[in-house]
Amino acid sequence: MKHDLQERDPNKKKLIQAAEAEAEFELRGSGLDGQMGYCHVLWGRQQEILKEKYGINWRTPAEMNPDVMFD
């Protein structure tokens, strides 16, 4: 599976992980977690956080692997 190469940069990796945790926190209690398609909502919010807060244009696993079906 392909990943955004920015995930290999130690500094950006920490920011990507922090944005994921923040997105998970924001979505907690939304009723979406555990539902089909939740990963897309999570990655979308993570992507927004990275762009807004850090100026990082991160590509989601779905964007990096268009031939893979994620649920």
N, C-alpha and C. Protein backbone atom coordinates (compact mmCIF):
# COMPACT_ATOMS: atom_id res chain seq x y z
N MET A 1 0.82 -1.16 0.00
CA MET A 1 0.00 0.00 0.00
C MET A 1 0.88 1.25 0.00
N LYS A 2 0.49 2.24 -0.78
CA LYS A 2 1.27 3.47 -0.87
C LYS A 2 0.86 4.44 0.23
N HIS A 3 1.84 5.23 0.68
CA HIS A 3 1.61 6.27 1.67
C HIS A 3 2.25 7.55 1.19
N ASP A 4 1.72 8.66 1.63
CA ASP A 4 2.31 9.95 1.30
C ASP A 4 3.74 9.96 1.84
N LEU A 5 4.70 10.30 1.00
CA LEU A 5 6.11 10.27 1.40
C LEU A 5 6.42 11.22 2.56
N GLN A 6 5.58 12.21 2.78
CA GLN A 6 5.80 13.13 3.90
C GLN A 6 5.75 12.39 5.24
N GLU A 7 5.10 11.24 5.26
CA GLU A 7 5.00 10.45 6.48
C GLU A 7 6.35 9.88 6.91
N ARG A 8 7.32 9.91 6.02
CA ARG A 8 8.67 9.43 6.35
C ARG A 8 9.54 10.50 7.00
N ASP A 9 9.15 11.75 6.85
CA ASP A 9 9.87 12.87 7.47
C ASP A 9 9.53 12.86 8.95
N PRO A 10 10.53 12.69 9.85
CA PRO A 10 10.24 12.59 11.28
C PRO A 10 9.44 13.76 11.85
N ASN A 11 9.72 14.97 11.40
CA ASN A 11 8.99 16.14 11.91
C ASN A 11 7.55 16.15 11.41
N LYS A 12 7.37 15.89 10.14
CA LYS A 12 6.02 15.88 9.58
C LYS A 12 5.23 14.69 10.09
N LYS A 13 5.91 13.58 10.32
CA LYS A 13 5.23 12.39 10.83
C LYS A 13 4.55 12.69 12.16
N LYS A 14 5.23 13.43 13.02
CA LYS A 14 4.65 13.81 14.32
C LYS A 14 3.42 14.68 14.12
N LEU A 15 3.48 15.61 13.18
CA LEU A 15 2.35 16.49 12.92
C LEU A 15 1.18 15.72 12.31
N ILE A 16 1.48 14.78 11.45
CA ILE A 16 0.44 13.95 10.82
C ILE A 16 -0.26 13.11 11.89
N GLN A 17 0.52 12.57 12.81
CA GLN A 17 -0.06 11.78 13.89
C GLN A 17 -0.88 12.67 14.84
N ALA A 18 -0.38 13.86 15.12
CA ALA A 18 -1.11 14.79 15.99
C ALA A 18 -2.43 15.21 15.35
N ALA A 19 -2.42 15.43 14.05
CA ALA A 19 -3.64 15.81 13.33
C ALA A 19 -4.64 14.65 13.33
N GLU A 20 -4.15 13.44 13.25
CA GLU A 20 -5.04 12.28 13.31
C GLU A 20 -5.70 12.20 14.68
N ALA A 21 -4.92 12.38 15.74
CA ALA A 21 -5.47 12.35 17.09
C ALA A 21 -6.50 13.46 17.29
N GLU A 22 -6.21 14.65 16.78
CA GLU A 22 -7.13 15.77 16.89
C GLU A 22 -8.43 15.49 16.13
N ALA A 23 -8.31 14.93 14.95
CA ALA A 23 -9.50 14.60 14.16
C ALA A 23 -10.34 13.54 14.87
N GLU A 24 -9.68 12.53 15.43
CA GLU A 24 -10.41 11.49 16.17
C GLU A 24 -11.14 12.10 17.36
N PHE A 25 -10.48 13.01 18.07
CA PHE A 25 -11.10 13.67 19.22
C PHE A 25 -12.32 14.46 18.78
N GLU A 26 -12.19 15.22 17.70
CA GLU A 26 -13.31 16.03 17.21
C GLU A 26 -14.50 15.17 16.78
N LEU A 27 -14.22 14.01 16.21
CA LEU A 27 -15.28 13.15 15.70
C LEU A 27 -15.88 12.23 16.76
N ARG A 28 -15.24 12.16 17.92
CA ARG A 28 -15.73 11.31 19.00
C ARG A 28 -17.14 11.75 19.39
N GLY A 29 -18.01 10.80 19.50
CA GLY A 29 -19.39 11.10 19.88
C GLY A 29 -20.27 11.54 18.71
N SER A 30 -19.71 11.57 17.51
CA SER A 30 -20.49 12.00 16.34
C SER A 30 -21.41 10.90 15.84
N GLY A 31 -21.19 9.70 16.32
CA GLY A 31 -21.98 8.57 15.84
C GLY A 31 -21.42 7.97 14.57
N LEU A 32 -20.36 8.56 14.05
CA LEU A 32 -19.77 8.06 12.81
C LEU A 32 -18.74 6.97 13.05
N ASP A 33 -18.05 7.02 14.21
CA ASP A 33 -17.00 6.05 14.46
C ASP A 33 -17.59 4.64 14.49
N GLY A 34 -16.91 3.75 13.82
CA GLY A 34 -17.37 2.37 13.69
C GLY A 34 -18.31 2.15 12.51
N GLN A 35 -18.70 3.22 11.85
CA GLN A 35 -19.62 3.11 10.72
C GLN A 35 -18.82 2.93 9.42
N MET A 36 -19.48 2.38 8.43
CA MET A 36 -18.86 2.25 7.11
C MET A 36 -18.51 3.65 6.61
N GLY A 37 -17.32 3.79 6.08
CA GLY A 37 -16.88 5.06 5.52
C GLY A 37 -16.26 6.01 6.52
N TYR A 38 -16.20 5.62 7.80
CA TYR A 38 -15.65 6.50 8.83
C TYR A 38 -14.22 6.92 8.50
N CYS A 39 -13.42 6.02 7.96
CA CYS A 39 -12.02 6.35 7.67
C CYS A 39 -11.94 7.54 6.72
N HIS A 40 -12.87 7.66 5.79
CA HIS A 40 -12.85 8.77 4.83
C HIS A 40 -13.15 10.10 5.53
N VAL A 41 -14.07 10.06 6.47
CA VAL A 41 -14.41 11.26 7.25
C VAL A 41 -13.20 11.65 8.10
N LEU A 42 -12.60 10.66 8.76
CA LEU A 42 -11.44 10.89 9.61
C LEU A 42 -10.29 11.46 8.79
N TRP A 43 -9.97 10.84 7.68
CA TRP A 43 -8.85 11.30 6.86
C TRP A 43 -9.12 12.68 6.29
N GLY A 44 -10.36 12.93 5.92
CA GLY A 44 -10.72 14.25 5.40
C GLY A 44 -10.48 15.34 6.43
N ARG A 45 -10.92 15.08 7.67
CA ARG A 45 -10.71 16.07 8.73
C ARG A 45 -9.23 16.20 9.05
N GLN A 46 -8.52 15.10 9.08
CA GLN A 46 -7.08 15.11 9.32
C GLN A 46 -6.37 15.94 8.26
N GLN A 47 -6.77 15.78 7.03
CA GLN A 47 -6.20 16.52 5.91
C GLN A 47 -6.47 18.02 6.07
N GLU A 48 -7.67 18.38 6.49
CA GLU A 48 -8.00 19.79 6.72
C GLU A 48 -7.15 20.39 7.84
N ILE A 49 -7.00 19.67 8.92
CA ILE A 49 -6.20 20.14 10.05
C ILE A 49 -4.76 20.37 9.60
N LEU A 50 -4.20 19.42 8.88
CA LEU A 50 -2.82 19.55 8.42
C LEU A 50 -2.64 20.76 7.52
N LYS A 51 -3.59 21.01 6.65
CA LYS A 51 -3.51 22.16 5.75
C LYS A 51 -3.68 23.47 6.50
N GLU A 52 -4.71 23.55 7.35
CA GLU A 52 -5.03 24.78 8.07
C GLU A 52 -3.98 25.16 9.09
N LYS A 53 -3.54 24.20 9.88
CA LYS A 53 -2.62 24.49 10.99
C LYS A 53 -1.15 24.50 10.61
N TYR A 54 -0.78 23.62 9.68
CA TYR A 54 0.64 23.41 9.41
C TYR A 54 1.05 23.67 7.97
N GLY A 55 0.09 23.96 7.10
CA GLY A 55 0.41 24.20 5.70
C GLY A 55 0.90 22.96 4.97
N ILE A 56 0.51 21.80 5.47
CA ILE A 56 0.93 20.53 4.87
C ILE A 56 -0.18 20.00 3.97
N ASN A 57 0.16 19.73 2.73
CA ASN A 57 -0.77 19.14 1.77
C ASN A 57 -0.57 17.63 1.79
N TRP A 58 -1.23 16.99 2.74
CA TRP A 58 -1.11 15.54 2.93
C TRP A 58 -2.15 14.83 2.08
N ARG A 59 -1.74 13.72 1.48
CA ARG A 59 -2.67 12.91 0.68
C ARG A 59 -3.09 11.69 1.49
N THR A 60 -4.38 11.46 1.53
CA THR A 60 -4.95 10.36 2.31
C THR A 60 -4.60 9.01 1.71
N PRO A 61 -4.72 7.94 2.50
CA PRO A 61 -4.49 6.61 1.93
C PRO A 61 -5.40 6.33 0.73
N ALA A 62 -6.65 6.83 0.78
CA ALA A 62 -7.56 6.62 -0.36
C ALA A 62 -7.06 7.33 -1.61
N GLU A 63 -6.50 8.53 -1.43
CA GLU A 63 -5.95 9.26 -2.57
C GLU A 63 -4.70 8.59 -3.12
N MET A 64 -3.92 8.01 -2.24
CA MET A 64 -2.68 7.36 -2.65
C MET A 64 -2.94 5.99 -3.27
N ASN A 65 -4.08 5.40 -2.98
CA ASN A 65 -4.40 4.04 -3.45
C ASN A 65 -5.79 4.02 -4.06
N PRO A 66 -5.97 4.67 -5.21
CA PRO A 66 -7.32 4.75 -5.78
C PRO A 66 -7.92 3.41 -6.19
N ASP A 67 -7.08 2.39 -6.31
CA ASP A 67 -7.56 1.07 -6.69
C ASP A 67 -7.97 0.21 -5.50
N VAL A 68 -7.83 0.76 -4.28
CA VAL A 68 -8.17 0.03 -3.07
C VAL A 68 -9.48 0.59 -2.53
N MET A 69 -10.36 -0.31 -2.08
CA MET A 69 -11.63 0.12 -1.50
C MET A 69 -11.49 0.11 0.02
N PHE A 70 -11.62 1.28 0.61
CA PHE A 70 -11.56 1.43 2.05
C PHE A 70 -12.98 1.57 2.59
N ASP A 71 -13.23 1.04 3.79
CA ASP A 71 -14.56 1.24 4.38
C ASP A 71 -14.42 1.98 5.63
